[in-house]
Amino acid sequence: MNFPCTRTRLFPAFWLGTLLALNAAAQQAPPAQASAKPKAEDYVASRVPGLTPTRTVVYKRVEDRDLVLHIFEPPGFQKGDRRPCFHIIHGGGWQGMDPSRMFPFAADFARLWGMVGISVQYRLYQPKTGVTVFDCVKDARSSVRYVRYHAAELGIDPDKIVVSGGSAGGHLAVATALFDGVDEAGEDIRISCRPDALVLLFPVIDTSAEGYGQAKIGDRWRELSPVHHVRPGLPPTITFHGTGDTTTPFAGAKAFQEAMEKAGNRSELVPYEGGAHGYLMREESLYQDTITRAAAFLSTCGILKATP
């Protein structure tokens, strides 16, 4: 009859000791979350919330949708000005991100060098809805045509339009100079979309199997592969690219540079040793160095009068 009482006394004592041991071990071991560091926001992204365009303008209506230019006017801007323009296109594999990603570039080229900064919206690649990379290219070319045609009302010098872009946006930037014939139906192609200079940031420059984008473009990839379309008479170009880039491989940027030189075009390649894809977006010093070197290049092209 005493057995049940004895068992009742021993059972909680056993588990109490076990729980105390487990609790001591838990206090000595770091929490599982402590080893996982939160992903740091890159420098360019950290700047975006503090930037608001001076105004927005619809440059194109397609499939009942408005596409917009986000415009940053420089200090002292007045109606009737003829300012150089820094026209920049965001990346994201043609299917992600939005114009705000490039607001810092547009704002800084306006603030520091007196340009009209523009960040471009375009249709994003969506195979389920039929939007292709060709449509992205058409929008980029349309955006430059709009700016050139409306240069007087935008306060822009139509002969000093710089087109820039990062990653897939870099592809769309160079597409404005290269892919004649990839234009929106009914658009006035007598208005040139050729930029007066290009500033390419780790661009998609080779859409072959060795580069990036073939899977999205499909069998017609060669039609939209910049390195395969270099010819004489292209705008002066500066390209910033990390040698450690495995998304848009550095080999493509190097081949593009060699092709540009062979064709007699002015082109500069600025490699960053070991830099991964998008390296210059992550740290303030790398970003500042990039825009300063780009501005110096534009000065030698006669687009900017001087650099600070």
C-alpha atoms as a PDB file:
ATOM      1  CA  MET A   1       0.000   0.000   0.000  1.00  0.00           C
ATOM      2  CA  ASN A   2       2.963   2.312   0.489  1.00  0.00           C
ATOM      3  CA  PHE A   3       4.206   1.851  -3.096  1.00  0.00           C
ATOM      4  CA  PRO A   4       2.023   4.468  -4.746  1.00  0.00           C
ATOM      5  CA  CYS A   5       3.067   7.077  -2.202  1.00  0.00           C
ATOM      6  CA  THR A   6       6.779   6.320  -2.664  1.00  0.00           C
ATOM      7  CA  ARG A   7       6.470   6.581  -6.484  1.00  0.00           C
ATOM      8  CA  THR A   8       4.644   9.862  -6.189  1.00  0.00           C
ATOM      9  CA  ARG A   9       7.521  11.343  -4.185  1.00  0.00           C
ATOM     10  CA  LEU A  10      10.334  10.115  -6.522  1.00  0.00           C
ATOM     11  CA  PHE A  11       8.786  11.009  -9.933  1.00  0.00           C
ATOM     12  CA  PRO A  12       8.742  14.802  -9.608  1.00  0.00           C
ATOM     13  CA  ALA A  13      12.190  14.816  -8.060  1.00  0.00           C
ATOM     14  CA  PHE A  14      13.616  13.015 -11.110  1.00  0.00           C
ATOM     15  CA  TRP A  15      12.048  15.445 -13.625  1.00  0.00           C
ATOM     16  CA  LEU A  16      12.928  18.460 -11.534  1.00  0.00           C
ATOM     17  CA  GLY A  17      16.604  17.504 -11.772  1.00  0.00           C
ATOM     18  CA  THR A  18      16.331  16.939 -15.518  1.00  0.00           C
ATOM     19  CA  LEU A  19      14.668  20.304 -16.104  1.00  0.00           C
ATOM     20  CA  LEU A  20      17.292  22.083 -14.031  1.00  0.00           C
ATOM     21  CA  ALA A  21      20.062  20.479 -16.092  1.00  0.00           C
ATOM     22  CA  LEU A  22      18.404  21.431 -19.373  1.00  0.00           C
ATOM     23  CA  ASN A  23      17.880  24.983 -18.191  1.00  0.00           C
ATOM     24  CA  ALA A  24      21.554  25.312 -17.235  1.00  0.00           C
ATOM     25  CA  ALA A  25      22.617  24.034 -20.650  1.00  0.00           C
ATOM     26  CA  ALA A  26      20.250  26.455 -22.379  1.00  0.00           C
ATOM     27  CA  GLN A  27      21.728  29.388 -20.457  1.00  0.00           C
ATOM     28  CA  GLN A  28      25.238  28.447 -21.548  1.00  0.00           C
ATOM     29  CA  ALA A  29      24.355  27.991 -25.245  1.00  0.00           C
ATOM     30  CA  PRO A  30      23.592  31.122 -27.348  1.00  0.00           C
ATOM     31  CA  PRO A  31      20.075  31.415 -28.756  1.00  0.00           C
ATOM     32  CA  ALA A  32      19.651  29.892 -32.218  1.00  0.00           C
ATOM     33  CA  GLN A  33      18.783  33.331 -33.655  1.00  0.00           C
ATOM     34  CA  ALA A  34      22.022  34.919 -32.435  1.00  0.00           C
ATOM     35  CA  SER A  35      24.112  33.265 -35.147  1.00  0.00           C
ATOM     36  CA  ALA A  36      21.930  34.602 -37.962  1.00  0.00           C
ATOM     37  CA  LYS A  37      22.909  38.186 -38.764  1.00  0.00           C
ATOM     38  CA  PRO A  38      20.196  40.337 -40.381  1.00  0.00           C
ATOM     39  CA  LYS A  39      20.957  41.244 -43.979  1.00  0.00           C
ATOM     40  CA  ALA A  40      22.388  44.755 -44.070  1.00  0.00           C
ATOM     41  CA  GLU A  41      20.652  47.295 -46.292  1.00  0.00           C
ATOM     42  CA  ASP A  42      22.997  48.600 -48.955  1.00  0.00           C
ATOM     43  CA  TYR A  43      24.023  52.249 -49.074  1.00  0.00           C
ATOM     44  CA  VAL A  44      21.959  53.176 -52.118  1.00  0.00           C
ATOM     45  CA  ALA A  45      18.798  51.614 -50.661  1.00  0.00           C
ATOM     46  CA  SER A  46      19.327  53.499 -47.398  1.00  0.00           C
ATOM     47  CA  ARG A  47      19.206  56.789 -49.309  1.00  0.00           C
ATOM     48  CA  VAL A  48      15.905  56.174 -51.104  1.00  0.00           C
ATOM     49  CA  PRO A  49      13.406  57.049 -48.307  1.00  0.00           C
ATOM     50  CA  GLY A  50      14.819  60.564 -48.053  1.00  0.00           C
ATOM     51  CA  LEU A  51      14.455  61.381 -51.751  1.00  0.00           C
ATOM     52  CA  THR A  52      11.392  62.721 -53.557  1.00  0.00           C
ATOM     53  CA  PRO A  53      11.349  63.640 -57.255  1.00  0.00           C
ATOM     54  CA  THR A  54      10.593  67.227 -58.167  1.00  0.00           C
ATOM     55  CA  ARG A  55       7.860  65.951 -60.451  1.00  0.00           C
ATOM     56  CA  THR A  56       6.735  62.996 -62.505  1.00  0.00           C
ATOM     57  CA  VAL A  57       5.808  62.923 -66.180  1.00  0.00           C
ATOM     58  CA  VAL A  58       4.033  60.242 -68.182  1.00  0.00           C
ATOM     59  CA  TYR A  59       6.194  59.422 -71.197  1.00  0.00           C
ATOM     60  CA  LYS A  60       4.210  56.532 -72.630  1.00  0.00           C
ATOM     61  CA  ARG A  61       0.841  54.836 -72.368  1.00  0.00           C
ATOM     62  CA  VAL A  62       0.783  51.181 -73.345  1.00  0.00           C
ATOM     63  CA  GLU A  63      -1.881  48.552 -72.719  1.00  0.00           C
ATOM     64  CA  ASP A  64      -3.892  51.063 -70.658  1.00  0.00           C
ATOM     65  CA  ARG A  65      -0.933  51.683 -68.397  1.00  0.00           C
ATOM     66  CA  ASP A  66       1.037  54.893 -67.852  1.00  0.00           C
ATOM     67  CA  LEU A  67       4.832  54.712 -67.702  1.00  0.00           C
ATOM     68  CA  VAL A  68       6.484  57.511 -65.772  1.00  0.00           C
ATOM     69  CA  LEU A  69       9.704  59.526 -65.613  1.00  0.00           C
ATOM     70  CA  HIS A  70      10.724  60.541 -62.077  1.00  0.00           C
ATOM     71  CA  ILE A  71      12.457  63.887 -62.485  1.00  0.00           C
ATOM     72  CA  PHE A  72      14.939  65.557 -60.126  1.00  0.00           C
ATOM     73  CA  GLU A  73      15.597  69.180 -61.047  1.00  0.00           C
ATOM     74  CA  PRO A  74      18.904  70.753 -59.943  1.00  0.00           C
ATOM     75  CA  PRO A  75      19.263  73.672 -57.518  1.00  0.00           C
ATOM     76  CA  GLY A  76      18.531  76.987 -59.215  1.00  0.00           C
ATOM     77  CA  PHE A  77      16.654  75.327 -62.051  1.00  0.00           C
ATOM     78  CA  GLN A  78      14.522  77.731 -64.058  1.00  0.00           C
ATOM     79  CA  LYS A  79      12.082  77.441 -66.907  1.00  0.00           C
ATOM     80  CA  GLY A  80      13.948  77.791 -70.167  1.00  0.00           C
ATOM     81  CA  ASP A  81      17.149  76.148 -68.898  1.00  0.00           C
ATOM     82  CA  ARG A  82      19.100  73.806 -71.177  1.00  0.00           C
ATOM     83  CA  ARG A  83      20.687  71.416 -68.701  1.00  0.00           C
ATOM     84  CA  PRO A  84      22.474  68.166 -69.433  1.00  0.00           C
ATOM     85  CA  CYS A  85      20.368  65.140 -68.488  1.00  0.00           C
ATOM     86  CA  PHE A  86      21.274  62.047 -66.460  1.00  0.00           C
ATOM     87  CA  HIS A  87      18.706  59.434 -67.488  1.00  0.00           C
ATOM     88  CA  ILE A  88      19.015  56.241 -65.443  1.00  0.00           C
ATOM     89  CA  ILE A  89      17.291  52.844 -65.591  1.00  0.00           C
ATOM     90  CA  HIS A  90      16.963  50.382 -62.722  1.00  0.00           C
ATOM     91  CA  GLY A  91      17.911  46.708 -62.842  1.00  0.00           C
ATOM     92  CA  GLY A  92      16.403  43.597 -61.312  1.00  0.00           C
ATOM     93  CA  GLY A  93      16.751  41.072 -64.108  1.00  0.00           C
ATOM     94  CA  TRP A  94      14.190  43.071 -66.171  1.00  0.00           C
ATOM     95  CA  GLN A  95      11.524  41.748 -63.795  1.00  0.00           C
ATOM     96  CA  GLY A  96      12.124  43.292 -60.378  1.00  0.00           C
ATOM     97  CA  MET A  97      12.773  46.512 -58.462  1.00  0.00           C
ATOM     98  CA  ASP A  98      11.365  49.913 -59.441  1.00  0.00           C
ATOM     99  CA  PRO A  99      12.589  53.422 -60.372  1.00  0.00           C
ATOM    100  CA  SER A 100      13.183  54.429 -56.742  1.00  0.00           C
ATOM    101  CA  ARG A 101      16.213  52.115 -56.713  1.00  0.00           C
ATOM    102  CA  MET A 102      18.089  54.687 -58.812  1.00  0.00           C
ATOM    103  CA  PHE A 103      16.775  57.851 -57.135  1.00  0.00           C
ATOM    104  CA  PRO A 104      20.139  58.528 -55.406  1.00  0.00           C
ATOM    105  CA  PHE A 105      21.959  58.638 -58.754  1.00  0.00           C
ATOM    106  CA  ALA A 106      19.384  60.939 -60.348  1.00  0.00           C
ATOM    107  CA  ALA A 107      19.296  63.188 -57.282  1.00  0.00           C
ATOM    108  CA  ASP A 108      23.080  63.387 -56.890  1.00  0.00           C
ATOM    109  CA  PHE A 109      23.804  64.179 -60.525  1.00  0.00           C
ATOM    110  CA  ALA A 110      21.199  66.952 -60.219  1.00  0.00           C
ATOM    111  CA  ARG A 111      22.498  68.311 -56.910  1.00  0.00           C
ATOM    112  CA  LEU A 112      26.228  68.003 -57.547  1.00  0.00           C
ATOM    113  CA  TRP A 113      26.536  68.639 -61.273  1.00  0.00           C
ATOM    114  CA  GLY A 114      23.451  70.639 -62.230  1.00  0.00           C
ATOM    115  CA  MET A 115      21.950  67.983 -64.464  1.00  0.00           C
ATOM    116  CA  VAL A 116      18.286  67.099 -64.763  1.00  0.00           C
ATOM    117  CA  GLY A 117      18.180  63.648 -63.177  1.00  0.00           C
ATOM    118  CA  ILE A 118      15.582  61.170 -64.404  1.00  0.00           C
ATOM    119  CA  SER A 119      14.787  57.675 -63.129  1.00  0.00           C
ATOM    120  CA  VAL A 120      12.761  55.616 -65.589  1.00  0.00           C
ATOM    121  CA  GLN A 121       9.822  53.281 -65.110  1.00  0.00           C
ATOM    122  CA  TYR A 122       9.391  50.495 -67.654  1.00  0.00           C
ATOM    123  CA  ARG A 123       7.250  47.399 -68.094  1.00  0.00           C
ATOM    124  CA  LEU A 124       8.706  44.470 -66.212  1.00  0.00           C
ATOM    125  CA  TYR A 125       9.330  41.110 -67.830  1.00  0.00           C
ATOM    126  CA  GLN A 126       6.326  38.874 -67.086  1.00  0.00           C
ATOM    127  CA  PRO A 127       6.081  35.783 -69.275  1.00  0.00           C
ATOM    128  CA  LYS A 128       2.631  34.935 -67.910  1.00  0.00           C
ATOM    129  CA  THR A 129       1.219  38.215 -69.215  1.00  0.00           C
ATOM    130  CA  GLY A 130       3.293  38.303 -72.377  1.00  0.00           C
ATOM    131  CA  VAL A 131       5.669  41.137 -71.434  1.00  0.00           C
ATOM    132  CA  THR A 132       9.074  40.271 -72.891  1.00  0.00           C
ATOM    133  CA  VAL A 133      12.572  41.689 -72.640  1.00  0.00           C
ATOM    134  CA  PHE A 134      11.936  43.156 -76.092  1.00  0.00           C
ATOM    135  CA  ASP A 135       9.144  45.220 -74.504  1.00  0.00           C
ATOM    136  CA  CYS A 136      11.559  46.433 -71.815  1.00  0.00           C
ATOM    137  CA  VAL A 137      13.929  47.561 -74.575  1.00  0.00           C
ATOM    138  CA  LYS A 138      11.109  49.339 -76.400  1.00  0.00           C
ATOM    139  CA  ASP A 139      10.203  51.275 -73.266  1.00  0.00           C
ATOM    140  CA  ALA A 140      13.799  52.343 -72.634  1.00  0.00           C
ATOM    141  CA  ARG A 141      14.106  53.618 -76.197  1.00  0.00           C
ATOM    142  CA  SER A 142      10.734  55.377 -75.928  1.00  0.00           C
ATOM    143  CA  SER A 143      11.814  57.130 -72.741  1.00  0.00           C
ATOM    144  CA  VAL A 144      14.855  58.711 -74.390  1.00  0.00           C
ATOM    145  CA  ARG A 145      12.826  59.724 -77.445  1.00  0.00           C
ATOM    146  CA  TYR A 146      10.313  61.437 -75.179  1.00  0.00           C
ATOM    147  CA  VAL A 147      13.005  63.380 -73.337  1.00  0.00           C
ATOM    148  CA  ARG A 148      14.685  64.504 -76.541  1.00  0.00           C
ATOM    149  CA  TYR A 149      11.401  65.548 -78.167  1.00  0.00           C
ATOM    150  CA  HIS A 150      10.247  67.407 -75.029  1.00  0.00           C
ATOM    151  CA  ALA A 151      13.682  68.724 -74.110  1.00  0.00           C
ATOM    152  CA  ALA A 152      12.678  72.395 -74.205  1.00  0.00           C
ATOM    153  CA  GLU A 153       9.788  71.996 -71.765  1.00  0.00           C
ATOM    154  CA  LEU A 154      11.882  69.747 -69.511  1.00  0.00           C
ATOM    155  CA  GLY A 155      14.756  72.252 -69.427  1.00  0.00           C
ATOM    156  CA  ILE A 156      17.151  69.777 -71.059  1.00  0.00           C
ATOM    157  CA  ASP A 157      19.790  70.176 -73.742  1.00  0.00           C
ATOM    158  CA  PRO A 158      18.787  67.551 -76.349  1.00  0.00           C
ATOM    159  CA  ASP A 159      22.434  67.124 -77.322  1.00  0.00           C
ATOM    160  CA  LYS A 160      23.585  66.285 -73.784  1.00  0.00           C
ATOM    161  CA  ILE A 161      21.529  63.277 -72.769  1.00  0.00           C
ATOM    162  CA  VAL A 162      23.450  60.696 -70.738  1.00  0.00           C
ATOM    163  CA  VAL A 163      21.809  57.289 -70.353  1.00  0.00           C
ATOM    164  CA  SER A 164      22.843  55.041 -67.488  1.00  0.00           C
ATOM    165  CA  GLY A 165      21.663  51.875 -65.804  1.00  0.00           C
ATOM    166  CA  GLY A 166      22.626  49.060 -63.484  1.00  0.00           C
ATOM    167  CA  SER A 167      22.609  45.351 -64.334  1.00  0.00           C
ATOM    168  CA  ALA A 168      19.543  44.737 -66.554  1.00  0.00           C
ATOM    169  CA  GLY A 169      19.090  48.515 -66.491  1.00  0.00           C
ATOM    170  CA  GLY A 170      22.588  48.788 -67.940  1.00  0.00           C
ATOM    171  CA  HIS A 171      21.451  46.498 -70.737  1.00  0.00           C
ATOM    172  CA  LEU A 172      18.456  48.753 -71.401  1.00  0.00           C
ATOM    173  CA  ALA A 173      20.718  51.814 -71.328  1.00  0.00           C
ATOM    174  CA  VAL A 174      23.043  50.478 -74.017  1.00  0.00           C
ATOM    175  CA  ALA A 175      19.984  49.193 -75.906  1.00  0.00           C
ATOM    176  CA  THR A 176      19.026  52.813 -76.580  1.00  0.00           C
ATOM    177  CA  ALA A 177      22.196  53.107 -78.669  1.00  0.00           C
ATOM    178  CA  LEU A 178      22.319  49.661 -80.241  1.00  0.00           C
ATOM    179  CA  PHE A 179      19.049  47.997 -81.073  1.00  0.00           C
ATOM    180  CA  ASP A 180      17.622  49.964 -83.958  1.00  0.00           C
ATOM    181  CA  GLY A 181      14.341  48.451 -85.031  1.00  0.00           C
ATOM    182  CA  VAL A 182      13.299  47.292 -81.568  1.00  0.00           C
ATOM    183  CA  ASP A 183      10.800  50.128 -81.239  1.00  0.00           C
ATOM    184  CA  GLU A 184       7.200  50.578 -80.207  1.00  0.00           C
ATOM    185  CA  ALA A 185       4.801  50.277 -83.124  1.00  0.00           C
ATOM    186  CA  GLY A 186       3.695  53.673 -84.368  1.00  0.00           C
ATOM    187  CA  GLU A 187       6.479  55.576 -82.613  1.00  0.00           C
ATOM    188  CA  ASP A 188       8.228  58.338 -84.543  1.00  0.00           C
ATOM    189  CA  ILE A 189      11.652  56.796 -85.036  1.00  0.00           C
ATOM    190  CA  ARG A 190      12.865  59.973 -86.730  1.00  0.00           C
ATOM    191  CA  ILE A 191      13.404  61.213 -83.172  1.00  0.00           C
ATOM    192  CA  SER A 192      16.724  59.703 -82.156  1.00  0.00           C
ATOM    193  CA  CYS A 193      16.985  57.699 -78.938  1.00  0.00           C
ATOM    194  CA  ARG A 194      20.784  57.497 -79.244  1.00  0.00           C
ATOM    195  CA  PRO A 195      22.356  58.881 -76.060  1.00  0.00           C
ATOM    196  CA  ASP A 196      25.235  61.347 -76.131  1.00  0.00           C
ATOM    197  CA  ALA A 197      27.105  59.230 -73.566  1.00  0.00           C
ATOM    198  CA  LEU A 198      26.595  56.001 -71.642  1.00  0.00           C
ATOM    199  CA  VAL A 199      27.396  55.218 -68.008  1.00  0.00           C
ATOM    200  CA  LEU A 200      27.024  51.463 -67.490  1.00  0.00           C
ATOM    201  CA  LEU A 201      26.989  49.900 -64.025  1.00  0.00           C
ATOM    202  CA  PHE A 202      27.753  46.147 -63.903  1.00  0.00           C
ATOM    203  CA  PRO A 203      25.548  45.742 -66.995  1.00  0.00           C
ATOM    204  CA  VAL A 204      24.038  42.729 -68.676  1.00  0.00           C
ATOM    205  CA  ILE A 205      26.267  42.997 -71.723  1.00  0.00           C
ATOM    206  CA  ASP A 206      26.363  39.429 -73.051  1.00  0.00           C
ATOM    207  CA  THR A 207      23.107  37.470 -73.265  1.00  0.00           C
ATOM    208  CA  SER A 208      24.721  34.249 -74.497  1.00  0.00           C
ATOM    209  CA  ALA A 209      24.926  31.122 -72.350  1.00  0.00           C
ATOM    210  CA  GLU A 210      28.204  32.501 -70.940  1.00  0.00           C
ATOM    211  CA  GLY A 211      26.496  35.699 -69.837  1.00  0.00           C
ATOM    212  CA  TYR A 212      23.065  36.478 -68.469  1.00  0.00           C
ATOM    213  CA  GLY A 213      19.525  36.544 -69.819  1.00  0.00           C
ATOM    214  CA  GLN A 214      19.363  33.844 -72.472  1.00  0.00           C
ATOM    215  CA  ALA A 215      16.717  31.888 -70.558  1.00  0.00           C
ATOM    216  CA  LYS A 216      14.474  34.970 -70.355  1.00  0.00           C
ATOM    217  CA  ILE A 217      14.995  36.221 -73.901  1.00  0.00           C
ATOM    218  CA  GLY A 218      14.799  32.814 -75.546  1.00  0.00           C
ATOM    219  CA  ASP A 219      15.939  31.779 -78.999  1.00  0.00           C
ATOM    220  CA  ARG A 220      16.237  35.410 -80.114  1.00  0.00           C
ATOM    221  CA  TRP A 221      18.842  36.202 -77.443  1.00  0.00           C
ATOM    222  CA  ARG A 222      21.465  37.314 -79.958  1.00  0.00           C
ATOM    223  CA  GLU A 223      19.205  40.141 -81.147  1.00  0.00           C
ATOM    224  CA  LEU A 224      19.500  41.701 -77.681  1.00  0.00           C
ATOM    225  CA  SER A 225      23.122  40.880 -76.854  1.00  0.00           C
ATOM    226  CA  PRO A 226      25.104  44.158 -76.728  1.00  0.00           C
ATOM    227  CA  VAL A 227      28.534  42.554 -77.116  1.00  0.00           C
ATOM    228  CA  HIS A 228      27.349  40.993 -80.383  1.00  0.00           C
ATOM    229  CA  HIS A 229      26.133  44.314 -81.836  1.00  0.00           C
ATOM    230  CA  VAL A 230      29.047  46.700 -81.315  1.00  0.00           C
ATOM    231  CA  ARG A 231      29.666  48.889 -84.350  1.00  0.00           C
ATOM    232  CA  PRO A 232      31.425  52.170 -85.146  1.00  0.00           C
ATOM    233  CA  GLY A 233      29.734  55.399 -84.164  1.00  0.00           C
ATOM    234  CA  LEU A 234      28.477  54.460 -80.718  1.00  0.00           C
ATOM    235  CA  PRO A 235      28.399  57.058 -77.896  1.00  0.00           C
ATOM    236  CA  PRO A 236      31.370  57.454 -75.542  1.00  0.00           C
ATOM    237  CA  THR A 237      30.918  54.862 -72.811  1.00  0.00           C
ATOM    238  CA  ILE A 238      32.251  54.205 -69.320  1.00  0.00           C
ATOM    239  CA  THR A 239      31.576  50.845 -67.686  1.00  0.00           C
ATOM    240  CA  PHE A 240      31.997  49.979 -63.994  1.00  0.00           C
ATOM    241  CA  HIS A 241      32.207  46.241 -63.326  1.00  0.00           C
ATOM    242  CA  GLY A 242      33.477  43.969 -60.563  1.00  0.00           C
ATOM    243  CA  THR A 243      35.962  41.284 -61.566  1.00  0.00           C
ATOM    244  CA  GLY A 244      34.281  38.841 -59.179  1.00  0.00           C
ATOM    245  CA  ASP A 245      30.827  39.273 -60.708  1.00  0.00           C
ATOM    246  CA  THR A 246      29.260  35.871 -61.367  1.00  0.00           C
ATOM    247  CA  THR A 247      25.793  37.196 -62.265  1.00  0.00           C
ATOM    248  CA  THR A 248      26.821  39.310 -65.231  1.00  0.00           C
ATOM    249  CA  PRO A 249      30.331  37.929 -65.677  1.00  0.00           C
ATOM    250  CA  PHE A 250      33.232  40.345 -65.965  1.00  0.00           C
ATOM    251  CA  ALA A 251      34.401  38.513 -69.091  1.00  0.00           C
ATOM    252  CA  GLY A 252      31.442  40.037 -70.937  1.00  0.00           C
ATOM    253  CA  ALA A 253      32.399  43.573 -69.912  1.00  0.00           C
ATOM    254  CA  LYS A 254      35.972  42.934 -71.014  1.00  0.00           C
ATOM    255  CA  ALA A 255      34.830  41.560 -74.389  1.00  0.00           C
ATOM    256  CA  PHE A 256      32.555  44.586 -74.847  1.00  0.00           C
ATOM    257  CA  GLN A 257      35.442  46.945 -74.106  1.00  0.00           C
ATOM    258  CA  GLU A 258      37.657  45.187 -76.638  1.00  0.00           C
ATOM    259  CA  ALA A 259      34.918  45.281 -79.271  1.00  0.00           C
ATOM    260  CA  MET A 260      34.325  48.995 -78.666  1.00  0.00           C
ATOM    261  CA  GLU A 261      38.012  49.769 -79.065  1.00  0.00           C
ATOM    262  CA  LYS A 262      38.256  47.664 -82.214  1.00  0.00           C
ATOM    263  CA  ALA A 263      35.295  49.552 -83.705  1.00  0.00           C
ATOM    264  CA  GLY A 264      36.988  52.878 -82.976  1.00  0.00           C
ATOM    265  CA  ASN A 265      34.567  53.954 -80.255  1.00  0.00           C
ATOM    266  CA  ARG A 266      35.623  55.752 -77.119  1.00  0.00           C
ATOM    267  CA  SER A 267      35.167  53.403 -74.187  1.00  0.00           C
ATOM    268  CA  GLU A 268      36.587  53.037 -70.681  1.00  0.00           C
ATOM    269  CA  LEU A 269      36.303  49.974 -68.461  1.00  0.00           C
ATOM    270  CA  VAL A 270      36.737  50.576 -64.725  1.00  0.00           C
ATOM    271  CA  PRO A 271      37.265  47.187 -63.036  1.00  0.00           C
ATOM    272  CA  TYR A 272      36.879  46.711 -59.296  1.00  0.00           C
ATOM    273  CA  GLU A 273      39.071  43.835 -58.186  1.00  0.00           C
ATOM    274  CA  GLY A 274      37.034  41.025 -56.654  1.00  0.00           C
ATOM    275  CA  GLY A 275      33.822  43.039 -56.769  1.00  0.00           C
ATOM    276  CA  ALA A 276      30.612  41.014 -56.795  1.00  0.00           C
ATOM    277  CA  HIS A 277      27.485  41.945 -58.714  1.00  0.00           C
ATOM    278  CA  GLY A 278      26.219  45.333 -57.566  1.00  0.00           C
ATOM    279  CA  TYR A 279      29.317  46.035 -55.469  1.00  0.00           C
ATOM    280  CA  LEU A 280      29.175  49.801 -55.918  1.00  0.00           C
ATOM    281  CA  MET A 281      25.662  50.019 -54.471  1.00  0.00           C
ATOM    282  CA  ARG A 282      26.672  48.619 -51.086  1.00  0.00           C
ATOM    283  CA  GLU A 283      29.193  51.052 -49.631  1.00  0.00           C
ATOM    284  CA  GLU A 284      29.126  54.836 -49.609  1.00  0.00           C
ATOM    285  CA  SER A 285      32.806  55.155 -50.565  1.00  0.00           C
ATOM    286  CA  LEU A 286      32.379  52.896 -53.611  1.00  0.00           C
ATOM    287  CA  TYR A 287      29.230  54.720 -54.684  1.00  0.00           C
ATOM    288  CA  GLN A 288      30.839  58.149 -54.300  1.00  0.00           C
ATOM    289  CA  ASP A 289      33.917  57.047 -56.211  1.00  0.00           C
ATOM    290  CA  THR A 290      31.716  55.752 -59.033  1.00  0.00           C
ATOM    291  CA  ILE A 291      29.652  58.891 -59.512  1.00  0.00           C
ATOM    292  CA  THR A 292      32.723  61.121 -59.222  1.00  0.00           C
ATOM    293  CA  ARG A 293      34.608  59.145 -61.869  1.00  0.00           C
ATOM    294  CA  ALA A 294      31.534  59.078 -64.080  1.00  0.00           C
ATOM    295  CA  ALA A 295      31.175  62.857 -63.802  1.00  0.00           C
ATOM    296  CA  ALA A 296      34.858  63.328 -64.661  1.00  0.00           C
ATOM    297  CA  PHE A 297      34.368  61.162 -67.746  1.00  0.00           C
ATOM    298  CA  LEU A 298      31.307  63.196 -68.792  1.00  0.00           C
ATOM    299  CA  SER A 299      33.362  66.351 -68.359  1.00  0.00           C
ATOM    300  CA  THR A 300      35.946  65.075 -70.848  1.00  0.00           C
ATOM    301  CA  CYS A 301      33.055  64.363 -73.244  1.00  0.00           C
ATOM    302  CA  GLY A 302      31.988  68.005 -73.084  1.00  0.00           C
ATOM    303  CA  ILE A 303      28.685  67.181 -71.364  1.00  0.00           C
ATOM    304  CA  LEU A 304      29.644  68.683 -68.018  1.00  0.00           C
ATOM    305  CA  LYS A 305      31.613  71.926 -67.784  1.00  0.00           C
ATOM    306  CA  ALA A 306      33.462  70.968 -64.632  1.00  0.00           C
ATOM    307  CA  THR A 307      33.434  68.543 -61.753  1.00  0.00           C
ATOM    308  CA  PRO A 308      33.580  69.516 -58.045  1.00  0.00           C
END
